PDB file of N, CA and C in Angstrom:
ATOM      1  N   MET A   1     -44.534   4.322  18.121  1.00  0.00           N
ATOM      2  CA  MET A   1     -44.908   3.858  19.441  1.00  0.00           C
ATOM      3  C   MET A   1     -43.726   3.077  20.018  1.00  0.00           C
ATOM      4  N   LEU A   2     -43.133   3.578  21.061  1.00  0.00           N
ATOM      5  CA  LEU A   2     -41.934   2.986  21.625  1.00  0.00           C
ATOM      6  C   LEU A   2     -42.214   1.797  22.533  1.00  0.00           C
ATOM      7  N   SER A   3     -43.428   1.619  22.967  1.00  0.00           N
ATOM      8  CA  SER A   3     -43.709   0.550  23.929  1.00  0.00           C
ATOM      9  C   SER A   3     -43.606  -0.840  23.305  1.00  0.00           C
ATOM     10  N   ARG A   4     -43.643  -0.936  21.987  1.00  0.00           N
ATOM     11  CA  ARG A   4     -43.564  -2.250  21.353  1.00  0.00           C
ATOM     12  C   ARG A   4     -42.136  -2.763  21.251  1.00  0.00           C
ATOM     13  N   PHE A   5     -41.154  -1.896  21.418  1.00  0.00           N
ATOM     14  CA  PHE A   5     -39.768  -2.295  21.266  1.00  0.00           C
ATOM     15  C   PHE A   5     -39.125  -2.524  22.626  1.00  0.00           C
ATOM     16  N   PRO A   6     -38.347  -3.571  22.762  1.00  0.00           N
ATOM     17  CA  PRO A   6     -37.644  -3.780  24.030  1.00  0.00           C
ATOM     18  C   PRO A   6     -36.675  -2.634  24.302  1.00  0.00           C
ATOM     19  N   LEU A   7     -36.453  -2.346  25.556  1.00  0.00           N
ATOM     20  CA  LEU A   7     -35.609  -1.230  25.951  1.00  0.00           C
ATOM     21  C   LEU A   7     -34.168  -1.413  25.508  1.00  0.00           C
ATOM     22  N   ARG A   8     -33.698  -2.644  25.428  1.00  0.00           N
ATOM     23  CA  ARG A   8     -32.300  -2.867  25.076  1.00  0.00           C
ATOM     24  C   ARG A   8     -31.984  -2.446  23.644  1.00  0.00           C
ATOM     25  N   PHE A   9     -32.994  -2.363  22.782  1.00  0.00           N
ATOM     26  CA  PHE A   9     -32.761  -1.941  21.409  1.00  0.00           C
ATOM     27  C   PHE A   9     -32.814  -0.422  21.258  1.00  0.00           C
ATOM     28  N   ILE A  10     -33.328   0.270  22.247  1.00  0.00           N
ATOM     29  CA  ILE A  10     -33.461   1.715  22.175  1.00  0.00           C
ATOM     30  C   ILE A  10     -32.301   2.404  22.880  1.00  0.00           C
ATOM     31  N   ARG A  11     -31.818   1.831  23.948  1.00  0.00           N
ATOM     32  CA  ARG A  11     -30.767   2.443  24.757  1.00  0.00           C
ATOM     33  C   ARG A  11     -29.462   2.519  23.973  1.00  0.00           C
ATOM     34  N   ASP A  12     -28.783   3.631  24.127  1.00  0.00           N
ATOM     35  CA  ASP A  12     -27.485   3.814  23.484  1.00  0.00           C
ATOM     36  C   ASP A  12     -26.458   2.949  24.196  1.00  0.00           C
ATOM     37  N   LYS A  13     -25.598   2.278  23.458  1.00  0.00           N
ATOM     38  CA  LYS A  13     -24.660   1.332  24.039  1.00  0.00           C
ATOM     39  C   LYS A  13     -23.347   1.968  24.478  1.00  0.00           C
ATOM     40  N   PHE A  14     -23.125   3.231  24.143  1.00  0.00           N
ATOM     41  CA  PHE A  14     -21.896   3.908  24.519  1.00  0.00           C
ATOM     42  C   PHE A  14     -22.104   4.690  25.812  1.00  0.00           C
ATOM     43  N   LYS A  15     -21.069   4.808  26.617  1.00  0.00           N
ATOM     44  CA  LYS A  15     -21.137   5.631  27.823  1.00  0.00           C
ATOM     45  C   LYS A  15     -21.005   7.102  27.469  1.00  0.00           C
ATOM     46  N   GLU A  16     -20.135   7.411  26.521  1.00  0.00           N
ATOM     47  CA  GLU A  16     -19.987   8.785  26.047  1.00  0.00           C
ATOM     48  C   GLU A  16     -20.908   8.982  24.853  1.00  0.00           C
ATOM     49  N   PRO A  17     -21.395  10.199  24.657  1.00  0.00           N
ATOM     50  CA  PRO A  17     -22.226  10.434  23.480  1.00  0.00           C
ATOM     51  C   PRO A  17     -21.415  10.248  22.206  1.00  0.00           C
ATOM     52  N   ARG A  18     -22.070   9.809  21.181  1.00  0.00           N
ATOM     53  CA  ARG A  18     -21.392   9.615  19.915  1.00  0.00           C
ATOM     54  C   ARG A  18     -21.962  10.590  18.902  1.00  0.00           C
ATOM     55  N   ILE A  19     -21.298  10.726  17.799  1.00  0.00           N
ATOM     56  CA  ILE A  19     -21.736  11.655  16.764  1.00  0.00           C
ATOM     57  C   ILE A  19     -22.869  11.016  15.981  1.00  0.00           C
ATOM     58  N   ARG A  20     -23.948  11.744  15.858  1.00  0.00           N
ATOM     59  CA  ARG A  20     -25.074  11.260  15.063  1.00  0.00           C
ATOM     60  C   ARG A  20     -25.184  12.149  13.838  1.00  0.00           C
ATOM     61  N   THR A  21     -25.127  11.551  12.696  1.00  0.00           N
ATOM     62  CA  THR A  21     -25.195  12.331  11.465  1.00  0.00           C
ATOM     63  C   THR A  21     -26.474  11.983  10.723  1.00  0.00           C
ATOM     64  N   PHE A  22     -27.205  13.009  10.383  1.00  0.00           N
ATOM     65  CA  PHE A  22     -28.409  12.826   9.590  1.00  0.00           C
ATOM     66  C   PHE A  22     -28.234  13.437   8.211  1.00  0.00           C
ATOM     67  N   LEU A  23     -27.124  14.098   8.004  1.00  0.00           N
ATOM     68  CA  LEU A  23     -26.828  14.759   6.751  1.00  0.00           C
ATOM     69  C   LEU A  23     -25.733  13.972   6.055  1.00  0.00           C
ATOM     70  N   TYR A  24     -26.024  13.451   4.891  1.00  0.00           N
ATOM     71  CA  TYR A  24     -25.046  12.633   4.194  1.00  0.00           C
ATOM     72  C   TYR A  24     -24.496  13.294   2.944  1.00  0.00           C
ATOM     73  N   THR A  25     -24.861  14.546   2.705  1.00  0.00           N
ATOM     74  CA  THR A  25     -24.265  15.259   1.586  1.00  0.00           C
ATOM     75  C   THR A  25     -23.007  15.960   2.085  1.00  0.00           C
ATOM     76  N   PRO A  26     -21.980  16.033   1.281  1.00  0.00           N
ATOM     77  CA  PRO A  26     -20.732  16.652   1.743  1.00  0.00           C
ATOM     78  C   PRO A  26     -20.915  18.114   2.138  1.00  0.00           C
ATOM     79  N   LEU A  27     -20.347  18.492   3.274  1.00  0.00           N
ATOM     80  CA  LEU A  27     -20.380  19.880   3.726  1.00  0.00           C
ATOM     81  C   LEU A  27     -19.315  20.702   3.023  1.00  0.00           C
ATOM     82  N   SER A  28     -18.248  20.070   2.680  1.00  0.00           N
ATOM     83  CA  SER A  28     -17.154  20.741   1.993  1.00  0.00           C
ATOM     84  C   SER A  28     -16.601  19.776   0.953  1.00  0.00           C
ATOM     85  N   LYS A  29     -15.609  20.227   0.226  1.00  0.00           N
ATOM     86  CA  LYS A  29     -15.016  19.343  -0.769  1.00  0.00           C
ATOM     87  C   LYS A  29     -14.364  18.160  -0.058  1.00  0.00           C
ATOM     88  N   PRO A  30     -14.763  16.935  -0.392  1.00  0.00           N
ATOM     89  CA  PRO A  30     -14.212  15.779   0.311  1.00  0.00           C
ATOM     90  C   PRO A  30     -12.728  15.581   0.017  1.00  0.00           C
ATOM     91  N   PRO A  31     -11.926  15.322   1.055  1.00  0.00           N
ATOM     92  CA  PRO A  31     -10.499  15.102   0.831  1.00  0.00           C
ATOM     93  C   PRO A  31     -10.188  13.729   0.261  1.00  0.00           C
ATOM     94  N   GLY A  32     -11.113  12.790   0.384  1.00  0.00           N
ATOM     95  CA  GLY A  32     -10.877  11.447  -0.137  1.00  0.00           C
ATOM     96  C   GLY A  32      -9.751  10.755   0.605  1.00  0.00           C
ATOM     97  N   LEU A  33      -8.915  10.048  -0.125  1.00  0.00           N
ATOM     98  CA  LEU A  33      -7.823   9.314   0.502  1.00  0.00           C
ATOM     99  C   LEU A  33      -6.687  10.230   0.933  1.00  0.00           C
ATOM    100  N   ASN A  34      -6.752  11.516   0.571  1.00  0.00           N
ATOM    101  CA  ASN A  34      -5.714  12.475   0.953  1.00  0.00           C
ATOM    102  C   ASN A  34      -6.016  13.134   2.293  1.00  0.00           C
ATOM    103  N   LEU A  35      -6.785  12.491   3.140  1.00  0.00           N
ATOM    104  CA  LEU A  35      -7.159  13.054   4.435  1.00  0.00           C
ATOM    105  C   LEU A  35      -5.923  13.238   5.306  1.00  0.00           C
ATOM    106  N   LYS A  36      -5.702  14.461   5.738  1.00  0.00           N
ATOM    107  CA  LYS A  36      -4.561  14.796   6.594  1.00  0.00           C
ATOM    108  C   LYS A  36      -5.079  15.392   7.896  1.00  0.00           C
ATOM    109  N   ALA A  37      -4.400  15.089   8.974  1.00  0.00           N
ATOM    110  CA  ALA A  37      -4.770  15.639  10.274  1.00  0.00           C
ATOM    111  C   ALA A  37      -4.329  17.093  10.363  1.00  0.00           C
ATOM    112  N   GLN A  38      -5.162  17.918  10.982  1.00  0.00           N
ATOM    113  CA  GLN A  38      -4.797  19.314  11.161  1.00  0.00           C
ATOM    114  C   GLN A  38      -3.758  19.440  12.267  1.00  0.00           C
ATOM    115  N   GLU A  39      -3.005  20.541  12.229  1.00  0.00           N
ATOM    116  CA  GLU A  39      -1.985  20.768  13.250  1.00  0.00           C
ATOM    117  C   GLU A  39      -2.642  20.995  14.603  1.00  0.00           C
ATOM    118  N   GLY A  40      -1.986  20.512  15.630  1.00  0.00           N
ATOM    119  CA  GLY A  40      -2.498  20.695  16.982  1.00  0.00           C
ATOM    120  C   GLY A  40      -3.423  19.588  17.454  1.00  0.00           C
ATOM    121  N   TRP A  41      -3.752  18.654  16.584  1.00  0.00           N
ATOM    122  CA  TRP A  41      -4.633  17.555  16.964  1.00  0.00           C
ATOM    123  C   TRP A  41      -3.783  16.375  17.416  1.00  0.00           C
ATOM    124  N   THR A  42      -4.050  15.911  18.617  1.00  0.00           N
ATOM    125  CA  THR A  42      -3.386  14.727  19.152  1.00  0.00           C
ATOM    126  C   THR A  42      -4.377  13.574  19.123  1.00  0.00           C
ATOM    127  N   PRO A  43      -3.909  12.336  19.223  1.00  0.00           N
ATOM    128  CA  PRO A  43      -4.858  11.218  19.289  1.00  0.00           C
ATOM    129  C   PRO A  43      -5.834  11.352  20.458  1.00  0.00           C
ATOM    130  N   GLN A  44      -5.350  11.865  21.597  1.00  0.00           N
ATOM    131  CA  GLN A  44      -6.215  12.058  22.767  1.00  0.00           C
ATOM    132  C   GLN A  44      -7.354  13.028  22.443  1.00  0.00           C
ATOM    133  N   LYS A  45      -7.024  14.151  21.821  1.00  0.00           N
ATOM    134  CA  LYS A  45      -8.030  15.159  21.489  1.00  0.00           C
ATOM    135  C   LYS A  45      -9.002  14.633  20.435  1.00  0.00           C
ATOM    136  N   TYR A  46      -8.487  13.970  19.408  1.00  0.00           N
ATOM    137  CA  TYR A  46      -9.341  13.455  18.336  1.00  0.00           C
ATOM    138  C   TYR A  46     -10.338  12.427  18.868  1.00  0.00           C
ATOM    139  N   LEU A  47      -9.849  11.463  19.638  1.00  0.00           N
ATOM    140  CA  LEU A  47     -10.734  10.412  20.134  1.00  0.00           C
ATOM    141  C   LEU A  47     -11.709  10.947  21.174  1.00  0.00           C
ATOM    142  N   LYS A  48     -11.325  11.968  21.919  1.00  0.00           N
ATOM    143  CA  LYS A  48     -12.253  12.580  22.873  1.00  0.00           C
ATOM    144  C   LYS A  48     -13.364  13.311  22.134  1.00  0.00           C
ATOM    145  N   LYS A  49     -13.013  13.990  21.053  1.00  0.00           N
ATOM    146  CA  LYS A  49     -14.010  14.751  20.299  1.00  0.00           C
ATOM    147  C   LYS A  49     -14.995  13.843  19.567  1.00  0.00           C
ATOM    148  N   ILE A  50     -14.550  12.695  19.075  1.00  0.00           N
ATOM    149  CA  ILE A  50     -15.497  11.838  18.365  1.00  0.00           C
ATOM    150  C   ILE A  50     -16.366  11.051  19.337  1.00  0.00           C
ATOM    151  N   GLY A  51     -15.925  10.871  20.582  1.00  0.00           N
ATOM    152  CA  GLY A  51     -16.736  10.181  21.587  1.00  0.00           C
ATOM    153  C   GLY A  51     -16.789   8.687  21.345  1.00  0.00           C
ATOM    154  N   GLY A  52     -17.893   8.063  21.743  1.00  0.00           N
ATOM    155  CA  GLY A  52     -18.083   6.639  21.514  1.00  0.00           C
ATOM    156  C   GLY A  52     -17.147   5.749  22.314  1.00  0.00           C
ATOM    157  N   ASP A  53     -16.718   6.200  23.505  1.00  0.00           N
ATOM    158  CA  ASP A  53     -15.848   5.406  24.390  1.00  0.00           C
ATOM    159  C   ASP A  53     -14.512   5.057  23.741  1.00  0.00           C
ATOM    160  N   THR A  54     -13.994   5.914  22.903  1.00  0.00           N
ATOM    161  CA  THR A  54     -12.736   5.621  22.217  1.00  0.00           C
ATOM    162  C   THR A  54     -11.541   6.314  22.851  1.00  0.00           C
ATOM    163  N   GLU A  55     -11.777   7.229  23.778  1.00  0.00           N
ATOM    164  CA  GLU A  55     -10.696   8.035  24.350  1.00  0.00           C
ATOM    165  C   GLU A  55      -9.669   7.192  25.105  1.00  0.00           C
ATOM    166  N   GLU A  56     -10.094   6.096  25.680  1.00  0.00           N
ATOM    167  CA  GLU A  56      -9.181   5.275  26.478  1.00  0.00           C
ATOM    168  C   GLU A  56      -8.122   4.566  25.633  1.00  0.00           C
ATOM    169  N   PHE A  57      -8.264   4.574  24.310  1.00  0.00           N
ATOM    170  CA  PHE A  57      -7.305   3.903  23.429  1.00  0.00           C
ATOM    171  C   PHE A  57      -6.324   4.882  22.784  1.00  0.00           C
ATOM    172  N   ALA A  58      -6.293   6.113  23.251  1.00  0.00           N
ATOM    173  CA  ALA A  58      -5.439   7.142  22.638  1.00  0.00           C
ATOM    174  C   ALA A  58      -3.959   6.830  22.783  1.00  0.00           C
ATOM    175  N   GLU A  59      -3.564   6.172  23.858  1.00  0.00           N
ATOM    176  CA  GLU A  59      -2.136   5.892  24.058  1.00  0.00           C
ATOM    177  C   GLU A  59      -1.609   4.842  23.091  1.00  0.00           C
ATOM    178  N   LYS A  60      -2.481   4.172  22.357  1.00  0.00           N
ATOM    179  CA  LYS A  60      -2.053   3.153  21.398  1.00  0.00           C
ATOM    180  C   LYS A  60      -1.623   3.755  20.061  1.00  0.00           C
ATOM    181  N   PHE A  61      -1.827   5.070  19.902  1.00  0.00           N
ATOM    182  CA  PHE A  61      -1.497   5.745  18.650  1.00  0.00           C
ATOM    183  C   PHE A  61      -0.475   6.845  18.906  1.00  0.00           C
ATOM    184  N   GLU A  62       0.414   7.045  17.943  1.00  0.00           N
ATOM    185  CA  GLU A  62       1.419   8.103  18.054  1.00  0.00           C
ATOM    186  C   GLU A  62       0.925   9.415  17.460  1.00  0.00           C
ATOM    187  N   SER A  63       0.049   9.339  16.455  1.00  0.00           N
ATOM    188  CA  SER A  63      -0.461  10.554  15.818  1.00  0.00           C
ATOM    189  C   SER A  63      -1.864  10.289  15.287  1.00  0.00           C
ATOM    190  N   VAL A  64      -2.546  11.372  14.957  1.00  0.00           N
ATOM    191  CA  VAL A  64      -3.887  11.250  14.375  1.00  0.00           C
ATOM    192  C   VAL A  64      -3.788  10.656  12.977  1.00  0.00           C
ATOM    193  N   GLN A  65      -2.712  10.968  12.278  1.00  0.00           N
ATOM    194  CA  GLN A  65      -2.526  10.412  10.935  1.00  0.00           C
ATOM    195  C   GLN A  65      -2.431   8.894  10.988  1.00  0.00           C
ATOM    196  N   GLU A  66      -1.861   8.356  12.052  1.00  0.00           N
ATOM    197  CA  GLU A  66      -1.798   6.903  12.215  1.00  0.00           C
ATOM    198  C   GLU A  66      -3.198   6.310  12.362  1.00  0.00           C
ATOM    199  N   ILE A  67      -4.094   7.038  13.024  1.00  0.00           N
ATOM    200  CA  ILE A  67      -5.487   6.582  13.143  1.00  0.00           C
ATOM    201  C   ILE A  67      -6.138   6.572  11.766  1.00  0.00           C
ATOM    202  N   PHE A  68      -5.906   7.643  10.978  1.00  0.00           N
ATOM    203  CA  PHE A  68      -6.516   7.738   9.652  1.00  0.00           C
ATOM    204  C   PHE A  68      -6.011   6.656   8.708  1.00  0.00           C
ATOM    205  N   ASP A  69      -4.759   6.275   8.837  1.00  0.00           N
ATOM    206  CA  ASP A  69      -4.166   5.290   7.937  1.00  0.00           C
ATOM    207  C   ASP A  69      -4.376   3.853   8.399  1.00  0.00           C
ATOM    208  N   SER A  70      -4.933   3.644   9.590  1.00  0.00           N
ATOM    209  CA  SER A  70      -5.096   2.293  10.137  1.00  0.00           C
ATOM    210  C   SER A  70      -6.216   1.540   9.431  1.00  0.00           C
ATOM    211  N   LYS A  71      -5.999   0.275   9.245  1.00  0.00           N
ATOM    212  CA  LYS A  71      -7.017  -0.628   8.713  1.00  0.00           C
ATOM    213  C   LYS A  71      -7.642  -1.379   9.887  1.00  0.00           C
ATOM    214  N   ARG A  72      -8.702  -2.103   9.619  1.00  0.00           N
ATOM    215  CA  ARG A  72      -9.424  -2.767  10.710  1.00  0.00           C
ATOM    216  C   ARG A  72      -8.578  -3.812  11.411  1.00  0.00           C
ATOM    217  N   TRP A  73      -7.760  -4.545  10.662  1.00  0.00           N
ATOM    218  CA  TRP A  73      -6.942  -5.583  11.306  1.00  0.00           C
ATOM    219  C   TRP A  73      -5.808  -4.970  12.130  1.00  0.00           C
ATOM    220  N   GLU A  74      -5.359  -3.773  11.747  1.00  0.00           N
ATOM    221  CA  GLU A  74      -4.345  -3.092  12.557  1.00  0.00           C
ATOM    222  C   GLU A  74      -4.940  -2.627  13.880  1.00  0.00           C
ATOM    223  N   LEU A  75      -6.180  -2.115  13.829  1.00  0.00           N
ATOM    224  CA  LEU A  75      -6.849  -1.718  15.067  1.00  0.00           C
ATOM    225  C   LEU A  75      -7.119  -2.938  15.946  1.00  0.00           C
ATOM    226  N   LYS A  76      -7.450  -4.054  15.322  1.00  0.00           N
ATOM    227  CA  LYS A  76      -7.671  -5.286  16.080  1.00  0.00           C
ATOM    228  C   LYS A  76      -6.374  -5.735  16.750  1.00  0.00           C
ATOM    229  N   GLY A  77      -5.263  -5.609  16.056  1.00  0.00           N
ATOM    230  CA  GLY A  77      -3.969  -5.977  16.616  1.00  0.00           C
ATOM    231  C   GLY A  77      -3.563  -5.108  17.799  1.00  0.00           C
ATOM    232  N   LYS A  78      -4.093  -3.888  17.863  1.00  0.00           N
ATOM    233  CA  LYS A  78      -3.800  -3.005  18.988  1.00  0.00           C
ATOM    234  C   LYS A  78      -4.699  -3.279  20.180  1.00  0.00           C
ATOM    235  N   GLY A  79      -5.642  -4.212  20.035  1.00  0.00           N
ATOM    236  CA  GLY A  79      -6.499  -4.592  21.154  1.00  0.00           C
ATOM    237  C   GLY A  79      -7.722  -3.713  21.344  1.00  0.00           C
ATOM    238  N   ILE A  80      -8.174  -3.058  20.297  1.00  0.00           N
ATOM    239  CA  ILE A  80      -9.364  -2.213  20.393  1.00  0.00           C
ATOM    240  C   ILE A  80     -10.589  -3.085  20.140  1.00  0.00           C
ATOM    241  N   PRO A  81     -11.611  -3.022  21.017  1.00  0.00           N
ATOM    242  CA  PRO A  81     -12.811  -3.852  20.843  1.00  0.00           C
ATOM    243  C   PRO A  81     -13.556  -3.530  19.547  1.00  0.00           C
ATOM    244  N   PRO A  82     -14.344  -4.478  19.050  1.00  0.00           N
ATOM    245  CA  PRO A  82     -15.018  -4.299  17.751  1.00  0.00           C
ATOM    246  C   PRO A  82     -15.909  -3.065  17.660  1.00  0.00           C
ATOM    247  N   ARG A  83     -16.673  -2.765  18.678  1.00  0.00           N
ATOM    248  CA  ARG A  83     -17.598  -1.630  18.602  1.00  0.00           C
ATOM    249  C   ARG A  83     -16.836  -0.317  18.431  1.00  0.00           C
ATOM    250  N   GLN A  84     -15.788  -0.123  19.215  1.00  0.00           N
ATOM    251  CA  GLN A  84     -15.000   1.099  19.102  1.00  0.00           C
ATOM    252  C   GLN A  84     -14.201   1.125  17.801  1.00  0.00           C
ATOM    253  N   ARG A  85     -13.749  -0.054  17.357  1.00  0.00           N
ATOM    254  CA  ARG A  85     -13.018  -0.162  16.097  1.00  0.00           C
ATOM    255  C   ARG A  85     -13.896   0.306  14.935  1.00  0.00           C
ATOM    256  N   LYS A  86     -15.108  -0.195  14.881  1.00  0.00           N
ATOM    257  CA  LYS A  86     -16.031   0.181  13.808  1.00  0.00           C
ATOM    258  C   LYS A  86     -16.377   1.665  13.877  1.00  0.00           C
ATOM    259  N   TYR A  87     -16.522   2.179  15.096  1.00  0.00           N
ATOM    260  CA  TYR A  87     -16.877   3.584  15.261  1.00  0.00           C
ATOM    261  C   TYR A  87     -15.749   4.495  14.775  1.00  0.00           C
ATOM    262  N   ILE A  88     -14.512   4.177  15.127  1.00  0.00           N
ATOM    263  CA  ILE A  88     -13.363   4.970  14.672  1.00  0.00           C
ATOM    264  C   ILE A  88     -13.287   4.958  13.149  1.00  0.00           C
ATOM    265  N   LEU A  89     -13.461   3.793  12.545  1.00  0.00           N
ATOM    266  CA  LEU A  89     -13.399   3.692  11.085  1.00  0.00           C
ATOM    267  C   LEU A  89     -14.552   4.439  10.417  1.00  0.00           C
ATOM    268  N   ARG A  90     -15.736   4.420  11.036  1.00  0.00           N
ATOM    269  CA  ARG A  90     -16.894   5.117  10.470  1.00  0.00           C
ATOM    270  C   ARG A  90     -16.675   6.630  10.478  1.00  0.00           C
ATOM    271  N   ILE A  91     -16.196   7.172  11.595  1.00  0.00           N
ATOM    272  CA  ILE A  91     -15.971   8.613  11.677  1.00  0.00           C
ATOM    273  C   ILE A  91     -14.851   9.038  10.726  1.00  0.00           C
ATOM    274  N   THR A  92     -13.817   8.210  10.604  1.00  0.00           N
ATOM    275  CA  THR A  92     -12.742   8.509   9.657  1.00  0.00           C
ATOM    276  C   THR A  92     -13.285   8.544   8.229  1.00  0.00           C
ATOM    277  N   GLU A  93     -14.177   7.637   7.911  1.00  0.00           N
ATOM    278  CA  GLU A  93     -14.776   7.623   6.572  1.00  0.00           C
ATOM    279  C   GLU A  93     -15.662   8.850   6.357  1.00  0.00           C
ATOM    280  N   TYR A  94     -16.384   9.292   7.391  1.00  0.00           N
ATOM    281  CA  TYR A  94     -17.177  10.521   7.283  1.00  0.00           C
ATOM    282  C   TYR A  94     -16.274  11.720   6.991  1.00  0.00           C
ATOM    283  N   LEU A  95     -15.107  11.758   7.618  1.00  0.00           N
ATOM    284  CA  LEU A  95     -14.160  12.846   7.349  1.00  0.00           C
ATOM    285  C   LEU A  95     -13.644  12.770   5.918  1.00  0.00           C
ATOM    286  N   ARG A  96     -13.386  11.566   5.426  1.00  0.00           N
ATOM    287  CA  ARG A  96     -12.901  11.411   4.045  1.00  0.00           C
ATOM    288  C   ARG A  96     -13.938  11.844   3.025  1.00  0.00           C
ATOM    289  N   ARG A  97     -15.199  11.557   3.306  1.00  0.00           N
ATOM    290  CA  ARG A  97     -16.275  11.886   2.358  1.00  0.00           C
ATOM    291  C   ARG A  97     -16.755  13.324   2.474  1.00  0.00           C
ATOM    292  N   GLY A  98     -16.307  14.036   3.503  1.00  0.00           N
ATOM    293  CA  GLY A  98     -16.716  15.427   3.663  1.00  0.00           C
ATOM    294  C   GLY A  98     -17.998  15.609   4.434  1.00  0.00           C
ATOM    295  N   VAL A  99     -18.554  14.540   4.997  1.00  0.00           N
ATOM    296  CA  VAL A  99     -19.773  14.652   5.797  1.00  0.00           C
ATOM    297  C   VAL A  99     -19.454  15.351   7.119  1.00  0.00           C
ATOM    298  N   LEU A 100     -18.291  15.086   7.674  1.00  0.00           N
ATOM    299  CA  LEU A 100     -17.780  15.780   8.857  1.00  0.00           C
ATOM    300  C   LEU A 100     -16.517  16.527   8.466  1.00  0.00           C
ATOM    301  N   ASN A 101     -16.180  17.542   9.230  1.00  0.00           N
ATOM    302  CA  ASN A 101     -14.892  18.201   9.054  1.00  0.00           C
ATOM    303  C   ASN A 101     -14.330  18.544  10.430  1.00  0.00           C
ATOM    304  N   PHE A 102     -13.095  18.993  10.459  1.00  0.00           N
ATOM    305  CA  PHE A 102     -12.435  19.254  11.735  1.00  0.00           C
ATOM    306  C   PHE A 102     -13.066  20.426  12.477  1.00  0.00           C
ATOM    307  N   ASP A 103     -13.663  21.368  11.755  1.00  0.00           N
ATOM    308  CA  ASP A 103     -14.333  22.485  12.425  1.00  0.00           C
ATOM    309  C   ASP A 103     -15.526  21.993  13.231  1.00  0.00           C
ATOM    310  N   MET A 104     -16.270  21.048  12.671  1.00  0.00           N
ATOM    311  CA  MET A 104     -17.408  20.485  13.402  1.00  0.00           C
ATOM    312  C   MET A 104     -16.934  19.726  14.632  1.00  0.00           C
ATOM    313  N   LEU A 105     -15.851  18.977  14.495  1.00  0.00           N
ATOM    314  CA  LEU A 105     -15.326  18.246  15.643  1.00  0.00           C
ATOM    315  C   LEU A 105     -14.796  19.198  16.705  1.00  0.00           C
ATOM    316  N   GLU A 106     -14.213  20.307  16.285  1.00  0.00           N
ATOM    317  CA  GLU A 106     -13.671  21.282  17.238  1.00  0.00           C
ATOM    318  C   GLU A 106     -14.783  21.913  18.065  1.00  0.00           C
ATOM    319  N   LYS A 107     -15.927  22.164  17.447  1.00  0.00           N
ATOM    320  CA  LYS A 107     -17.047  22.798  18.143  1.00  0.00           C
ATOM    321  C   LYS A 107     -17.806  21.825  19.039  1.00  0.00           C
ATOM    322  N   ARG A 108     -17.567  20.554  18.870  1.00  0.00           N
ATOM    323  CA  ARG A 108     -18.326  19.545  19.619  1.00  0.00           C
ATOM    324  C   ARG A 108     -17.947  19.596  21.091  1.00  0.00           C
ATOM    325  N   THR A 109     -18.944  19.783  21.940  1.00  0.00           N
ATOM    326  CA  THR A 109     -18.701  19.884  23.378  1.00  0.00           C
ATOM    327  C   THR A 109     -19.615  18.949  24.148  1.00  0.00           C
ATOM    328  N   ALA A 110     -19.906  17.792  23.610  1.00  0.00           N
ATOM    329  CA  ALA A 110     -20.813  16.864  24.271  1.00  0.00           C
ATOM    330  C   ALA A 110     -20.193  16.353  25.561  1.00  0.00           C
ATOM    331  N   ALA A 111     -20.989  16.325  26.603  1.00  0.00           N
ATOM    332  CA  ALA A 111     -20.532  15.825  27.905  1.00  0.00           C
ATOM    333  C   ALA A 111     -20.977  14.377  28.069  1.00  0.00           C
ATOM    334  N   PRO A 112     -20.279  13.599  28.888  1.00  0.00           N
ATOM    335  CA  PRO A 112     -20.698  12.216  29.125  1.00  0.00           C
ATOM    336  C   PRO A 112     -22.085  12.156  29.745  1.00  0.00           C
ATOM    337  N   ARG A 113     -22.772  11.070  29.512  1.00  0.00           N
ATOM    338  CA  ARG A 113     -24.111  10.891  30.052  1.00  0.00           C
ATOM    339  C   ARG A 113     -24.078  10.750  31.560  1.00  0.00           C
ATOM    340  N   LYS A 114     -25.083  11.289  32.220  1.00  0.00           N
ATOM    341  CA  LYS A 114     -25.171  11.226  33.677  1.00  0.00           C
ATOM    342  C   LYS A 114     -26.054  10.076  34.149  1.00  0.00           C
ATOM    343  N   ASP A 115     -26.887   9.532  33.269  1.00  0.00           N
ATOM    344  CA  ASP A 115     -27.863   8.528  33.681  1.00  0.00           C
ATOM    345  C   ASP A 115     -27.350   7.098  33.548  1.00  0.00           C
ATOM    346  N   GLU A 116     -26.058   6.880  33.457  1.00  0.00           N
ATOM    347  CA  GLU A 116     -25.521   5.534  33.256  1.00  0.00           C
ATOM    348  C   GLU A 116     -25.679   4.642  34.478  1.00  0.00           C
ATOM    349  N   ASP A 117     -25.681   5.224  35.678  1.00  0.00           N
ATOM    350  CA  ASP A 117     -25.765   4.392  36.875  1.00  0.00           C
ATOM    351  C   ASP A 117     -27.194   4.069  37.262  1.00  0.00           C
ATOM    352  N   LYS A 118     -28.169   4.494  36.491  1.00  0.00           N
ATOM    353  CA  LYS A 118     -29.578   4.198  36.800  1.00  0.00           C
ATOM    354  C   LYS A 118     -30.006   2.895  36.204  1.00  0.00           C
TER     355      LYS A 118
END
């Protein structure tokens, strides 16, 4: 019953859709700490595909591998807000564990939400 919960706890806090994973078993063999970016992926493309309002920070990175190798304090030093910082690290960890892969990100075509101004 949704009427018992305040609306602020139900509404998604991101303007762009984010990846929702309900499957936590690896889809493929997990790369672990050897996670490498595929050819042709730029920081702009990677952050756009993962969503979560992270695309605006693409100019702060030179390569996708730099995103994968970044720690939380390095992202903080680049001026990325906490919510987007945690989201980038979470998706990177999903890629390391094999829950997500680049093929899934490539197929992702989520459009930004239209109901934000309501």
